[in-house]
Amino acid sequence: MKIVLNIFPLWLITVFAMAQTKPASSTSPAPSAIVSTIQDITGKRFQPDTVFTALSEEDETLLEKEPIANWGLAQESGQNMTYYNLVIGTRSYQLLITKSPKAEFPTATLLRFITPKSKPEPIARGTLKPKEEKPK
């Protein structure tokens, strides 16, 4: 009985955490604007695993039309974290790349800031894998 009481809170936390995010699936895939933007910035293949929020038409237009050159240079924050910034008027985006020491591949998270003082809103998260080289 003691084991059940110890495991129940962990199970409950897991259920609530899973309920807060919406896994990417064939019915709700990450928009191509997100995938292509992250792949162009990092030079790696982005495989989304979670889509947190839907993009507005304005977001999709901004992400599709903004050239990669307008994104800031990679900035390191600690040993296992890198980020890129894009600022368009009062709206800004941040691509956060983290690498856990135990993970095989890094994780990329795209964040949106609607105003300069707003809290970041996660848009999508996924794994960065090396691009597959096509045989010549």
N, C-alpha and C. Protein backbone atom coordinates (compact mmCIF):
# COMPACT_ATOMS: atom_id res chain seq x y z
N MET A 1 0.82 -1.19 0.00
CA MET A 1 0.00 0.00 0.00
C MET A 1 0.87 1.26 0.00
N LYS A 2 2.00 1.20 0.71
CA LYS A 2 2.89 2.34 0.77
C LYS A 2 3.46 2.65 -0.62
N ILE A 3 3.76 1.62 -1.38
CA ILE A 3 4.30 1.80 -2.73
C ILE A 3 3.27 2.50 -3.60
N VAL A 4 2.02 2.09 -3.51
CA VAL A 4 0.96 2.71 -4.30
C VAL A 4 0.82 4.18 -3.96
N LEU A 5 0.88 4.50 -2.68
CA LEU A 5 0.77 5.90 -2.25
C LEU A 5 1.97 6.73 -2.72
N ASN A 6 3.13 6.11 -2.85
CA ASN A 6 4.31 6.81 -3.33
C ASN A 6 4.28 6.99 -4.85
N ILE A 7 3.74 6.04 -5.57
CA ILE A 7 3.72 6.10 -7.03
C ILE A 7 2.58 6.96 -7.55
N PHE A 8 1.46 7.00 -6.84
CA PHE A 8 0.28 7.75 -7.30
C PHE A 8 0.57 9.21 -7.62
N PRO A 9 1.27 9.97 -6.76
CA PRO A 9 1.54 11.38 -7.10
C PRO A 9 2.38 11.52 -8.38
N LEU A 10 3.34 10.64 -8.58
CA LEU A 10 4.14 10.70 -9.80
C LEU A 10 3.28 10.42 -11.03
N TRP A 11 2.40 9.45 -10.92
CA TRP A 11 1.51 9.12 -12.03
C TRP A 11 0.60 10.30 -12.32
N LEU A 12 0.08 10.95 -11.28
CA LEU A 12 -0.82 12.08 -11.42
C LEU A 12 -0.11 13.25 -12.11
N ILE A 13 1.12 13.53 -11.73
CA ILE A 13 1.91 14.60 -12.36
C ILE A 13 2.12 14.29 -13.83
N THR A 14 2.42 13.04 -14.15
CA THR A 14 2.63 12.65 -15.54
C THR A 14 1.37 12.85 -16.37
N VAL A 15 0.23 12.46 -15.83
CA VAL A 15 -1.04 12.62 -16.55
C VAL A 15 -1.33 14.09 -16.81
N PHE A 16 -1.13 14.95 -15.81
CA PHE A 16 -1.39 16.38 -16.00
C PHE A 16 -0.41 17.00 -16.98
N ALA A 17 0.84 16.58 -16.94
CA ALA A 17 1.82 17.11 -17.89
C ALA A 17 1.47 16.73 -19.31
N MET A 18 1.02 15.50 -19.51
CA MET A 18 0.64 15.05 -20.85
C MET A 18 -0.62 15.77 -21.32
N ALA A 19 -1.50 16.13 -20.42
CA ALA A 19 -2.74 16.80 -20.80
C ALA A 19 -2.49 18.25 -21.22
N GLN A 20 -1.39 18.84 -20.77
CA GLN A 20 -1.10 20.23 -21.10
C GLN A 20 -0.52 20.41 -22.49
N THR A 21 0.01 19.37 -23.06
CA THR A 21 0.60 19.47 -24.39
C THR A 21 -0.18 18.59 -25.34
N LYS A 22 -0.08 18.93 -26.61
CA LYS A 22 -0.79 18.18 -27.63
C LYS A 22 0.26 17.53 -28.53
N PRO A 23 0.42 16.22 -28.49
CA PRO A 23 1.43 15.58 -29.32
C PRO A 23 1.16 15.81 -30.79
N ALA A 24 2.25 15.99 -31.53
CA ALA A 24 2.11 16.14 -32.98
C ALA A 24 1.66 14.81 -33.56
N SER A 25 0.70 14.88 -34.46
CA SER A 25 0.20 13.66 -35.09
C SER A 25 -0.22 13.98 -36.50
N SER A 26 -0.73 12.98 -37.19
CA SER A 26 -1.14 13.22 -38.56
C SER A 26 -2.34 14.17 -38.62
N THR A 27 -3.13 14.24 -37.56
CA THR A 27 -4.27 15.15 -37.56
C THR A 27 -3.85 16.57 -37.19
N SER A 28 -2.74 16.74 -36.51
CA SER A 28 -2.29 18.06 -36.10
C SER A 28 -0.77 18.16 -36.24
N PRO A 29 -0.27 18.13 -37.45
CA PRO A 29 1.18 18.20 -37.61
C PRO A 29 1.67 19.63 -37.41
N ALA A 30 2.96 19.76 -37.17
CA ALA A 30 3.55 21.09 -37.04
C ALA A 30 3.48 21.75 -38.41
N PRO A 31 3.12 23.02 -38.46
CA PRO A 31 3.06 23.72 -39.75
C PRO A 31 4.40 23.68 -40.46
N SER A 32 4.34 23.62 -41.77
CA SER A 32 5.58 23.54 -42.55
C SER A 32 6.46 24.75 -42.33
N ALA A 33 5.86 25.91 -42.00
CA ALA A 33 6.65 27.11 -41.73
C ALA A 33 7.59 26.88 -40.56
N ILE A 34 7.12 26.20 -39.53
CA ILE A 34 7.95 25.92 -38.36
C ILE A 34 9.06 24.95 -38.72
N VAL A 35 8.71 23.86 -39.36
CA VAL A 35 9.69 22.83 -39.69
C VAL A 35 10.77 23.39 -40.61
N SER A 36 10.38 24.07 -41.67
CA SER A 36 11.38 24.59 -42.61
C SER A 36 12.24 25.67 -41.98
N THR A 37 11.65 26.51 -41.14
CA THR A 37 12.43 27.56 -40.48
C THR A 37 13.49 26.96 -39.57
N ILE A 38 13.11 26.01 -38.75
CA ILE A 38 14.06 25.39 -37.82
C ILE A 38 15.14 24.62 -38.58
N GLN A 39 14.75 23.93 -39.64
CA GLN A 39 15.74 23.18 -40.43
C GLN A 39 16.71 24.12 -41.13
N ASP A 40 16.22 25.25 -41.64
CA ASP A 40 17.10 26.21 -42.31
C ASP A 40 18.08 26.85 -41.33
N ILE A 41 17.61 27.18 -40.14
CA ILE A 41 18.47 27.84 -39.15
C ILE A 41 19.56 26.89 -38.65
N THR A 42 19.17 25.66 -38.32
CA THR A 42 20.11 24.74 -37.68
C THR A 42 20.90 23.90 -38.67
N GLY A 43 20.38 23.72 -39.87
CA GLY A 43 21.04 22.84 -40.83
C GLY A 43 20.82 21.37 -40.51
N LYS A 44 19.85 21.09 -39.65
CA LYS A 44 19.55 19.72 -39.25
C LYS A 44 18.09 19.42 -39.54
N ARG A 45 17.74 18.15 -39.52
CA ARG A 45 16.36 17.73 -39.75
C ARG A 45 15.59 17.85 -38.44
N PHE A 46 14.46 18.57 -38.48
CA PHE A 46 13.64 18.79 -37.30
C PHE A 46 12.45 17.84 -37.33
N GLN A 47 12.32 17.04 -36.27
CA GLN A 47 11.19 16.12 -36.12
C GLN A 47 10.36 16.58 -34.93
N PRO A 48 9.23 17.28 -35.20
CA PRO A 48 8.41 17.77 -34.09
C PRO A 48 7.78 16.63 -33.32
N ASP A 49 7.76 16.75 -32.01
CA ASP A 49 7.07 15.75 -31.19
C ASP A 49 5.91 16.37 -30.42
N THR A 50 5.91 17.71 -30.27
CA THR A 50 4.84 18.37 -29.54
C THR A 50 4.52 19.70 -30.20
N VAL A 51 3.24 19.94 -30.43
CA VAL A 51 2.77 21.24 -30.91
C VAL A 51 1.95 21.83 -29.78
N PHE A 52 2.43 22.95 -29.23
CA PHE A 52 1.78 23.55 -28.07
C PHE A 52 0.60 24.43 -28.46
N THR A 53 0.77 25.21 -29.50
CA THR A 53 -0.27 26.17 -29.88
C THR A 53 -0.31 26.32 -31.39
N ALA A 54 -1.45 26.68 -31.89
CA ALA A 54 -1.58 26.88 -33.33
C ALA A 54 -1.00 28.25 -33.70
N LEU A 55 -0.42 28.32 -34.86
CA LEU A 55 0.11 29.58 -35.34
C LEU A 55 -1.01 30.40 -35.96
N SER A 56 -0.95 31.69 -35.75
CA SER A 56 -1.89 32.57 -36.43
C SER A 56 -1.40 32.75 -37.87
N GLU A 57 -2.26 33.29 -38.71
CA GLU A 57 -1.85 33.55 -40.10
C GLU A 57 -0.67 34.51 -40.13
N GLU A 58 -0.68 35.47 -39.22
CA GLU A 58 0.42 36.44 -39.15
C GLU A 58 1.74 35.74 -38.81
N ASP A 59 1.71 34.79 -37.85
CA ASP A 59 2.91 34.05 -37.49
C ASP A 59 3.45 33.27 -38.69
N GLU A 60 2.56 32.54 -39.36
CA GLU A 60 3.00 31.74 -40.50
C GLU A 60 3.59 32.63 -41.59
N THR A 61 2.94 33.75 -41.87
CA THR A 61 3.44 34.66 -42.90
C THR A 61 4.82 35.20 -42.51
N LEU A 62 4.96 35.61 -41.25
CA LEU A 62 6.25 36.15 -40.81
C LEU A 62 7.35 35.11 -40.88
N LEU A 63 7.06 33.90 -40.40
CA LEU A 63 8.10 32.86 -40.40
C LEU A 63 8.46 32.41 -41.81
N GLU A 64 7.49 32.37 -42.72
CA GLU A 64 7.78 31.94 -44.09
C GLU A 64 8.53 33.00 -44.87
N LYS A 65 8.20 34.28 -44.66
CA LYS A 65 8.78 35.35 -45.47
C LYS A 65 10.11 35.87 -44.95
N GLU A 66 10.37 35.71 -43.67
CA GLU A 66 11.61 36.24 -43.11
C GLU A 66 12.78 35.37 -43.54
N PRO A 67 13.77 35.98 -44.17
CA PRO A 67 14.93 35.17 -44.54
C PRO A 67 15.72 34.74 -43.30
N ILE A 68 16.40 33.65 -43.44
CA ILE A 68 17.19 33.11 -42.33
C ILE A 68 18.25 34.13 -41.89
N ALA A 69 18.69 34.97 -42.81
CA ALA A 69 19.71 35.97 -42.48
C ALA A 69 19.22 36.97 -41.44
N ASN A 70 17.91 37.12 -41.28
CA ASN A 70 17.38 38.05 -40.29
C ASN A 70 17.37 37.47 -38.88
N TRP A 71 17.56 36.18 -38.75
CA TRP A 71 17.67 35.58 -37.42
C TRP A 71 19.04 35.93 -36.85
N GLY A 72 19.11 36.15 -35.56
CA GLY A 72 20.38 36.47 -34.91
C GLY A 72 21.33 35.29 -34.97
N LEU A 73 22.60 35.57 -34.75
CA LEU A 73 23.60 34.51 -34.70
C LEU A 73 23.38 33.65 -33.47
N ALA A 74 23.85 32.44 -33.55
CA ALA A 74 23.72 31.52 -32.41
C ALA A 74 24.44 32.10 -31.20
N GLN A 75 23.75 32.09 -30.07
CA GLN A 75 24.35 32.55 -28.82
C GLN A 75 24.28 31.41 -27.82
N GLU A 76 25.41 31.15 -27.18
CA GLU A 76 25.44 30.07 -26.20
C GLU A 76 25.09 30.62 -24.82
N SER A 77 24.34 29.81 -24.11
CA SER A 77 23.99 30.15 -22.73
C SER A 77 24.28 28.90 -21.91
N GLY A 78 25.47 28.84 -21.42
CA GLY A 78 25.88 27.63 -20.71
C GLY A 78 26.45 26.62 -21.69
N GLN A 79 26.75 25.47 -21.17
CA GLN A 79 27.42 24.44 -21.96
C GLN A 79 26.46 23.69 -22.89
N ASN A 80 25.21 23.55 -22.50
CA ASN A 80 24.29 22.70 -23.26
C ASN A 80 23.10 23.45 -23.85
N MET A 81 23.19 24.77 -23.99
CA MET A 81 22.06 25.52 -24.53
C MET A 81 22.52 26.59 -25.50
N THR A 82 21.83 26.67 -26.64
CA THR A 82 22.09 27.67 -27.67
C THR A 82 20.75 28.27 -28.07
N TYR A 83 20.74 29.55 -28.43
CA TYR A 83 19.50 30.14 -28.88
C TYR A 83 19.74 31.13 -30.01
N TYR A 84 18.69 31.32 -30.82
CA TYR A 84 18.66 32.25 -31.93
C TYR A 84 17.45 33.15 -31.73
N ASN A 85 17.54 34.43 -32.10
CA ASN A 85 16.43 35.37 -31.93
C ASN A 85 16.04 35.99 -33.27
N LEU A 86 14.75 36.26 -33.42
CA LEU A 86 14.22 37.01 -34.56
C LEU A 86 13.25 38.03 -34.00
N VAL A 87 13.48 39.31 -34.30
CA VAL A 87 12.61 40.38 -33.82
C VAL A 87 11.99 41.07 -35.03
N ILE A 88 10.65 41.14 -35.04
CA ILE A 88 9.92 41.80 -36.11
C ILE A 88 8.93 42.76 -35.44
N GLY A 89 9.23 44.03 -35.45
CA GLY A 89 8.37 45.00 -34.77
C GLY A 89 8.34 44.71 -33.29
N THR A 90 7.14 44.54 -32.73
CA THR A 90 7.03 44.23 -31.30
C THR A 90 7.00 42.72 -31.06
N ARG A 91 6.85 41.95 -32.10
CA ARG A 91 6.78 40.48 -31.97
C ARG A 91 8.18 39.90 -32.14
N SER A 92 8.48 38.88 -31.37
CA SER A 92 9.78 38.23 -31.53
C SER A 92 9.64 36.73 -31.33
N TYR A 93 10.59 36.01 -31.88
CA TYR A 93 10.64 34.56 -31.79
C TYR A 93 12.01 34.16 -31.28
N GLN A 94 12.07 33.04 -30.60
CA GLN A 94 13.34 32.53 -30.12
C GLN A 94 13.37 31.02 -30.35
N LEU A 95 14.45 30.56 -30.97
CA LEU A 95 14.66 29.13 -31.16
C LEU A 95 15.68 28.71 -30.12
N LEU A 96 15.24 27.85 -29.20
CA LEU A 96 16.06 27.40 -28.08
C LEU A 96 16.47 25.95 -28.34
N ILE A 97 17.77 25.69 -28.34
CA ILE A 97 18.28 24.34 -28.58
C ILE A 97 19.02 23.88 -27.33
N THR A 98 18.57 22.76 -26.77
CA THR A 98 19.19 22.22 -25.57
C THR A 98 19.67 20.80 -25.86
N LYS A 99 20.75 20.43 -25.22
CA LYS A 99 21.31 19.09 -25.37
C LYS A 99 21.55 18.52 -24.00
N SER A 100 20.74 17.54 -23.64
CA SER A 100 20.91 16.86 -22.37
C SER A 100 22.12 15.94 -22.49
N PRO A 101 22.95 15.85 -21.45
CA PRO A 101 24.12 14.98 -21.53
C PRO A 101 23.77 13.52 -21.82
N LYS A 102 22.58 13.09 -21.43
CA LYS A 102 22.19 11.70 -21.64
C LYS A 102 21.47 11.49 -22.97
N ALA A 103 21.03 12.57 -23.61
CA ALA A 103 20.26 12.45 -24.85
C ALA A 103 21.19 12.27 -26.05
N GLU A 104 20.71 11.53 -27.01
CA GLU A 104 21.51 11.30 -28.22
C GLU A 104 21.47 12.52 -29.14
N PHE A 105 20.28 13.16 -29.25
CA PHE A 105 20.10 14.30 -30.14
C PHE A 105 19.60 15.50 -29.34
N PRO A 106 19.93 16.72 -29.81
CA PRO A 106 19.44 17.92 -29.13
C PRO A 106 17.94 18.13 -29.37
N THR A 107 17.33 18.93 -28.50
CA THR A 107 15.92 19.27 -28.60
C THR A 107 15.80 20.74 -28.97
N ALA A 108 14.91 21.04 -29.91
CA ALA A 108 14.67 22.43 -30.32
C ALA A 108 13.27 22.83 -29.90
N THR A 109 13.15 24.04 -29.36
CA THR A 109 11.85 24.58 -28.96
C THR A 109 11.73 25.97 -29.56
N LEU A 110 10.63 26.21 -30.27
CA LEU A 110 10.37 27.53 -30.84
C LEU A 110 9.41 28.27 -29.92
N LEU A 111 9.83 29.47 -29.49
CA LEU A 111 9.05 30.30 -28.57
C LEU A 111 8.61 31.57 -29.28
N ARG A 112 7.48 32.12 -28.85
CA ARG A 112 6.96 33.36 -29.42
C ARG A 112 6.72 34.35 -28.28
N PHE A 113 7.12 35.61 -28.52
CA PHE A 113 6.85 36.71 -27.59
C PHE A 113 6.00 37.71 -28.37
N ILE A 114 4.74 37.90 -27.97
CA ILE A 114 3.85 38.79 -28.72
C ILE A 114 4.20 40.26 -28.49
N THR A 115 4.55 40.60 -27.26
CA THR A 115 5.00 41.96 -26.95
C THR A 115 6.34 41.84 -26.23
N PRO A 116 7.09 42.93 -26.15
CA PRO A 116 8.39 42.85 -25.48
C PRO A 116 8.32 42.42 -24.01
N LYS A 117 7.19 42.67 -23.34
CA LYS A 117 7.07 42.32 -21.93
C LYS A 117 6.27 41.04 -21.69
N SER A 118 5.79 40.39 -22.76
CA SER A 118 4.97 39.19 -22.58
C SER A 118 5.83 37.99 -22.23
N LYS A 119 5.19 37.01 -21.62
CA LYS A 119 5.87 35.76 -21.31
C LYS A 119 6.03 34.95 -22.60
N PRO A 120 7.06 34.14 -22.68
CA PRO A 120 7.23 33.34 -23.90
C PRO A 120 6.14 32.28 -24.02
N GLU A 121 5.64 32.10 -25.23
CA GLU A 121 4.65 31.08 -25.52
C GLU A 121 5.33 30.00 -26.37
N PRO A 122 5.44 28.78 -25.87
CA PRO A 122 6.04 27.73 -26.71
C PRO A 122 5.11 27.42 -27.88
N ILE A 123 5.68 27.26 -29.05
CA ILE A 123 4.91 26.94 -30.25
C ILE A 123 5.07 25.47 -30.59
N ALA A 124 6.30 25.00 -30.65
CA ALA A 124 6.55 23.60 -31.00
C ALA A 124 7.88 23.15 -30.41
N ARG A 125 7.98 21.85 -30.19
CA ARG A 125 9.22 21.25 -29.68
C ARG A 125 9.47 19.97 -30.46
N GLY A 126 10.74 19.65 -30.64
CA GLY A 126 11.07 18.42 -31.35
C GLY A 126 12.55 18.13 -31.28
N THR A 127 12.94 17.09 -31.98
CA THR A 127 14.31 16.61 -31.98
C THR A 127 15.03 17.06 -33.23
N LEU A 128 16.29 17.43 -33.07
CA LEU A 128 17.14 17.77 -34.22
C LEU A 128 18.04 16.59 -34.52
N LYS A 129 17.93 16.07 -35.74
CA LYS A 129 18.75 14.95 -36.15
C LYS A 129 19.56 15.34 -37.36
N PRO A 130 20.69 14.69 -37.58
CA PRO A 130 21.48 15.01 -38.77
C PRO A 130 20.67 14.78 -40.03
N LYS A 131 20.90 15.63 -41.03
CA LYS A 131 20.19 15.45 -42.29
C LYS A 131 20.74 14.21 -42.98
N GLU A 132 19.84 13.48 -43.59
CA GLU A 132 20.25 12.27 -44.31
C GLU A 132 20.94 12.67 -45.60
N GLU A 133 22.12 12.13 -45.79
CA GLU A 133 22.83 12.42 -47.02
C GLU A 133 22.37 11.49 -48.11
N LYS A 134 22.08 12.06 -49.25
CA LYS A 134 21.63 11.25 -50.38
C LYS A 134 22.85 10.73 -51.12
N PRO A 135 22.84 9.44 -51.48
CA PRO A 135 23.98 8.88 -52.21
C PRO A 135 24.09 9.53 -53.58
N LYS A 136 25.33 9.75 -53.99
CA LYS A 136 25.57 10.37 -55.31
C LYS A 136 25.60 9.38 -56.42
